[in-house]
């Protein structure tokens, strides 16, 4: 995947891949162009280190190949699936960063279950709403005590 010229907000720049950041510089600044090119190259190196395998056979630039993750069993809770998924992915892609594998597994589970959490487990939104209500109650109690 080559680094190629791009433009952002009227400024020239260098970009790695089709979805990468455009690192801009001031037109005519050769040193700035070299620094921007180096940043784009570093982004490409980071993508490869994180599992990028695309760029050949007509794949869209910037896409990261995802190995087939295990299917979600409809009777399986999130933690069981994620643990099984991490074990599978660690075995098949040992160089992939653990945080990336964990994120991919959680995303796959939530996508397969329509974003639902297991029964009895509250979503972040539900917890935030409860926290907001508790803060209101606390503020009212403080007003009465002060």
C-alpha atoms as a PDB file:
ATOM      1  CA  UNK A   1       0.000   0.000   0.000  1.00  0.00           C
ATOM      2  CA  UNK A   2       1.821   3.121  -1.121  1.00  0.00           C
ATOM      3  CA  UNK A   3       1.821   6.530   0.458  1.00  0.00           C
ATOM      4  CA  UNK A   4       0.213   8.933  -1.974  1.00  0.00           C
ATOM      5  CA  UNK A   5      -0.496  12.678  -2.273  1.00  0.00           C
ATOM      6  CA  UNK A   6      -3.720  14.083  -0.849  1.00  0.00           C
ATOM      7  CA  UNK A   7      -5.231  17.461  -0.102  1.00  0.00           C
ATOM      8  CA  UNK A   8      -7.177  18.671   2.914  1.00  0.00           C
ATOM      9  CA  UNK A   9      -8.595  22.163   3.458  1.00  0.00           C
ATOM     10  CA  UNK A  10      -6.623  23.366   0.419  1.00  0.00           C
ATOM     11  CA  UNK A  11      -3.315  22.152   1.837  1.00  0.00           C
ATOM     12  CA  UNK A  12      -1.168  19.474   0.175  1.00  0.00           C
ATOM     13  CA  UNK A  13      -0.351  16.348   2.139  1.00  0.00           C
ATOM     14  CA  UNK A  14       0.573  12.687   2.172  1.00  0.00           C
ATOM     15  CA  UNK A  15      -1.732   9.809   3.010  1.00  0.00           C
ATOM     16  CA  UNK A  16      -1.304   6.080   3.394  1.00  0.00           C
ATOM     17  CA  UNK A  17      -4.163   4.010   2.015  1.00  0.00           C
ATOM     18  CA  UNK A  18      -7.681   5.013   1.111  1.00  0.00           C
ATOM     19  CA  UNK A  19      -8.945   5.708   4.618  1.00  0.00           C
ATOM     20  CA  UNK A  20      -5.805   7.044   6.287  1.00  0.00           C
ATOM     21  CA  UNK A  21      -5.293  10.531   7.676  1.00  0.00           C
ATOM     22  CA  UNK A  22      -4.026  13.187   5.285  1.00  0.00           C
ATOM     23  CA  UNK A  23      -0.893  14.653   6.870  1.00  0.00           C
ATOM     24  CA  UNK A  24      -0.720  18.179   5.520  1.00  0.00           C
ATOM     25  CA  UNK A  25       2.110  20.659   5.130  1.00  0.00           C
ATOM     26  CA  UNK A  26       2.532  24.192   3.856  1.00  0.00           C
ATOM     27  CA  UNK A  27       2.795  24.307   0.071  1.00  0.00           C
ATOM     28  CA  UNK A  28       6.436  24.692  -0.982  1.00  0.00           C
ATOM     29  CA  UNK A  29       7.834  23.503   2.378  1.00  0.00           C
ATOM     30  CA  UNK A  30      10.048  20.560   1.366  1.00  0.00           C
ATOM     31  CA  UNK A  31      10.947  19.675   4.967  1.00  0.00           C
ATOM     32  CA  UNK A  32       7.264  19.806   5.920  1.00  0.00           C
ATOM     33  CA  UNK A  33       6.475  17.516   2.986  1.00  0.00           C
ATOM     34  CA  UNK A  34       9.121  15.040   4.165  1.00  0.00           C
ATOM     35  CA  UNK A  35       7.745  15.082   7.721  1.00  0.00           C
ATOM     36  CA  UNK A  36       4.175  14.557   6.461  1.00  0.00           C
ATOM     37  CA  UNK A  37       5.343  11.705   4.212  1.00  0.00           C
ATOM     38  CA  UNK A  38       7.149  10.076   7.166  1.00  0.00           C
ATOM     39  CA  UNK A  39       3.973  10.307   9.299  1.00  0.00           C
ATOM     40  CA  UNK A  40       1.910   8.679   6.551  1.00  0.00           C
ATOM     41  CA  UNK A  41       4.533   5.924   6.189  1.00  0.00           C
ATOM     42  CA  UNK A  42       4.412   5.388   9.965  1.00  0.00           C
ATOM     43  CA  UNK A  43       0.628   5.019   9.755  1.00  0.00           C
ATOM     44  CA  UNK A  44       1.124   2.315   7.135  1.00  0.00           C
ATOM     45  CA  UNK A  45       3.642   0.514   9.339  1.00  0.00           C
ATOM     46  CA  UNK A  46       1.172   0.669  12.252  1.00  0.00           C
ATOM     47  CA  UNK A  47      -1.616  -0.736  10.064  1.00  0.00           C
ATOM     48  CA  UNK A  48       0.583  -3.663   9.042  1.00  0.00           C
ATOM     49  CA  UNK A  49       1.564  -4.264  12.667  1.00  0.00           C
ATOM     50  CA  UNK A  50      -2.150  -4.338  13.580  1.00  0.00           C
ATOM     51  CA  UNK A  51      -3.011  -6.985  11.015  1.00  0.00           C
ATOM     52  CA  UNK A  52      -3.462  -5.134   7.724  1.00  0.00           C
ATOM     53  CA  UNK A  53      -3.225  -7.619   4.861  1.00  0.00           C
ATOM     54  CA  UNK A  54      -4.979  -5.764   2.033  1.00  0.00           C
ATOM     55  CA  UNK A  55      -3.836  -3.868  -0.999  1.00  0.00           C
ATOM     56  CA  UNK A  56      -3.598  -6.775  -3.386  1.00  0.00           C
ATOM     57  CA  UNK A  57      -6.110  -8.433  -5.647  1.00  0.00           C
ATOM     58  CA  UNK A  58      -8.289  -5.350  -6.028  1.00  0.00           C
ATOM     59  CA  UNK A  59      -9.074  -4.865  -2.350  1.00  0.00           C
ATOM     60  CA  UNK A  60      -9.989  -1.333  -1.392  1.00  0.00           C
ATOM     61  CA  UNK A  61      -7.035   0.551   0.013  1.00  0.00           C
ATOM     62  CA  UNK A  62      -7.020   0.854   3.780  1.00  0.00           C
ATOM     63  CA  UNK A  63      -9.198  -2.135   4.584  1.00  0.00           C
ATOM     64  CA  UNK A  64      -7.970  -4.503   7.259  1.00  0.00           C
ATOM     65  CA  UNK A  65      -8.584  -8.143   6.559  1.00  0.00           C
ATOM     66  CA  UNK A  66     -10.545  -9.747   9.330  1.00  0.00           C
ATOM     67  CA  UNK A  67     -10.212 -13.457   9.730  1.00  0.00           C
ATOM     68  CA  UNK A  68     -13.477 -15.296  10.098  1.00  0.00           C
ATOM     69  CA  UNK A  69     -14.345 -14.966  13.763  1.00  0.00           C
ATOM     70  CA  UNK A  70     -16.352 -17.780  15.342  1.00  0.00           C
ATOM     71  CA  UNK A  71     -20.109 -17.556  14.927  1.00  0.00           C
ATOM     72  CA  UNK A  72     -22.225 -16.422  17.864  1.00  0.00           C
ATOM     73  CA  UNK A  73     -24.409 -19.130  19.382  1.00  0.00           C
ATOM     74  CA  UNK A  74     -27.862 -17.613  20.114  1.00  0.00           C
ATOM     75  CA  UNK A  75     -27.866 -19.230  23.586  1.00  0.00           C
ATOM     76  CA  UNK A  76     -24.399 -17.928  24.452  1.00  0.00           C
ATOM     77  CA  UNK A  77     -23.887 -14.948  26.752  1.00  0.00           C
ATOM     78  CA  UNK A  78     -21.516 -12.168  25.810  1.00  0.00           C
ATOM     79  CA  UNK A  79     -18.644 -13.122  28.136  1.00  0.00           C
ATOM     80  CA  UNK A  80     -18.664 -16.775  27.058  1.00  0.00           C
ATOM     81  CA  UNK A  81     -18.587 -15.819  23.384  1.00  0.00           C
ATOM     82  CA  UNK A  82     -15.889 -13.177  23.836  1.00  0.00           C
ATOM     83  CA  UNK A  83     -13.685 -15.629  25.772  1.00  0.00           C
ATOM     84  CA  UNK A  84     -14.115 -18.265  23.055  1.00  0.00           C
ATOM     85  CA  UNK A  85     -13.533 -15.684  20.318  1.00  0.00           C
ATOM     86  CA  UNK A  86     -10.336 -14.370  21.954  1.00  0.00           C
ATOM     87  CA  UNK A  87      -8.981 -17.922  22.306  1.00  0.00           C
ATOM     88  CA  UNK A  88      -9.761 -18.634  18.641  1.00  0.00           C
ATOM     89  CA  UNK A  89      -8.254 -15.386  17.381  1.00  0.00           C
ATOM     90  CA  UNK A  90      -5.151 -15.703  19.590  1.00  0.00           C
ATOM     91  CA  UNK A  91      -4.520 -19.151  18.142  1.00  0.00           C
ATOM     92  CA  UNK A  92      -5.007 -18.030  14.526  1.00  0.00           C
ATOM     93  CA  UNK A  93      -3.469 -14.528  14.733  1.00  0.00           C
ATOM     94  CA  UNK A  94      -0.936 -14.566  17.575  1.00  0.00           C
ATOM     95  CA  UNK A  95       0.658 -11.265  16.502  1.00  0.00           C
ATOM     96  CA  UNK A  96      -2.563  -9.266  16.607  1.00  0.00           C
ATOM     97  CA  UNK A  97      -2.723  -6.932  19.659  1.00  0.00           C
ATOM     98  CA  UNK A  98      -4.915  -8.313  22.460  1.00  0.00           C
ATOM     99  CA  UNK A  99      -6.926  -5.073  22.762  1.00  0.00           C
ATOM    100  CA  UNK A 100      -7.783  -5.192  19.053  1.00  0.00           C
ATOM    101  CA  UNK A 101      -8.869  -8.848  19.293  1.00  0.00           C
ATOM    102  CA  UNK A 102     -11.039  -8.152  22.327  1.00  0.00           C
ATOM    103  CA  UNK A 103     -12.687  -5.150  20.623  1.00  0.00           C
ATOM    104  CA  UNK A 104     -13.359  -7.172  17.445  1.00  0.00           C
ATOM    105  CA  UNK A 105     -14.931  -9.995  19.468  1.00  0.00           C
ATOM    106  CA  UNK A 106     -17.204  -7.652  21.448  1.00  0.00           C
ATOM    107  CA  UNK A 107     -18.246  -5.887  18.230  1.00  0.00           C
ATOM    108  CA  UNK A 108     -19.042  -9.202  16.534  1.00  0.00           C
ATOM    109  CA  UNK A 109     -21.189 -10.306  19.508  1.00  0.00           C
ATOM    110  CA  UNK A 110     -23.089  -7.030  19.654  1.00  0.00           C
ATOM    111  CA  UNK A 111     -23.598  -7.009  15.892  1.00  0.00           C
ATOM    112  CA  UNK A 112     -24.931 -10.582  15.976  1.00  0.00           C
ATOM    113  CA  UNK A 113     -27.273  -9.863  18.889  1.00  0.00           C
ATOM    114  CA  UNK A 114     -28.483  -6.496  17.662  1.00  0.00           C
ATOM    115  CA  UNK A 115     -26.531  -4.669  20.358  1.00  0.00           C
ATOM    116  CA  UNK A 116     -28.439  -6.359  23.158  1.00  0.00           C
ATOM    117  CA  UNK A 117     -26.685  -7.130  26.390  1.00  0.00           C
ATOM    118  CA  UNK A 118     -27.300 -10.403  28.230  1.00  0.00           C
ATOM    119  CA  UNK A 119     -30.377 -10.408  30.458  1.00  0.00           C
ATOM    120  CA  UNK A 120     -29.729  -8.924  33.858  1.00  0.00           C
ATOM    121  CA  UNK A 121     -26.838  -6.781  32.600  1.00  0.00           C
ATOM    122  CA  UNK A 122     -27.517  -3.081  32.200  1.00  0.00           C
ATOM    123  CA  UNK A 123     -26.232  -1.107  29.251  1.00  0.00           C
ATOM    124  CA  UNK A 124     -23.973   1.922  29.671  1.00  0.00           C
ATOM    125  CA  UNK A 125     -26.908   4.150  28.731  1.00  0.00           C
ATOM    126  CA  UNK A 126     -29.111   2.610  31.437  1.00  0.00           C
ATOM    127  CA  UNK A 127     -26.373   3.004  34.042  1.00  0.00           C
ATOM    128  CA  UNK A 128     -25.757   6.623  33.023  1.00  0.00           C
ATOM    129  CA  UNK A 129     -29.485   7.380  33.313  1.00  0.00           C
ATOM    130  CA  UNK A 130     -29.584   5.811  36.797  1.00  0.00           C
ATOM    131  CA  UNK A 131     -26.509   7.793  37.812  1.00  0.00           C
ATOM    132  CA  UNK A 132     -28.118  11.031  36.634  1.00  0.00           C
ATOM    133  CA  UNK A 133     -31.225  10.259  38.712  1.00  0.00           C
ATOM    134  CA  UNK A 134     -29.118   9.466  41.783  1.00  0.00           C
ATOM    135  CA  UNK A 135     -27.221  12.741  41.356  1.00  0.00           C
ATOM    136  CA  UNK A 136     -30.536  14.618  41.307  1.00  0.00           C
ATOM    137  CA  UNK A 137     -31.622  12.897  44.516  1.00  0.00           C
ATOM    138  CA  UNK A 138     -28.258  13.671  46.136  1.00  0.00           C
ATOM    139  CA  UNK A 139     -28.520  17.334  45.128  1.00  0.00           C
ATOM    140  CA  UNK A 140     -32.020  17.512  46.640  1.00  0.00           C
ATOM    141  CA  UNK A 141     -30.765  15.919  49.865  1.00  0.00           C
ATOM    142  CA  UNK A 142     -27.880  18.386  50.032  1.00  0.00           C
ATOM    143  CA  UNK A 143     -30.272  21.309  49.574  1.00  0.00           C
ATOM    144  CA  UNK A 144     -32.358  20.077  52.481  1.00  0.00           C
ATOM    145  CA  UNK A 145     -29.372  19.622  54.772  1.00  0.00           C
ATOM    146  CA  UNK A 146     -27.575  22.878  54.059  1.00  0.00           C
END
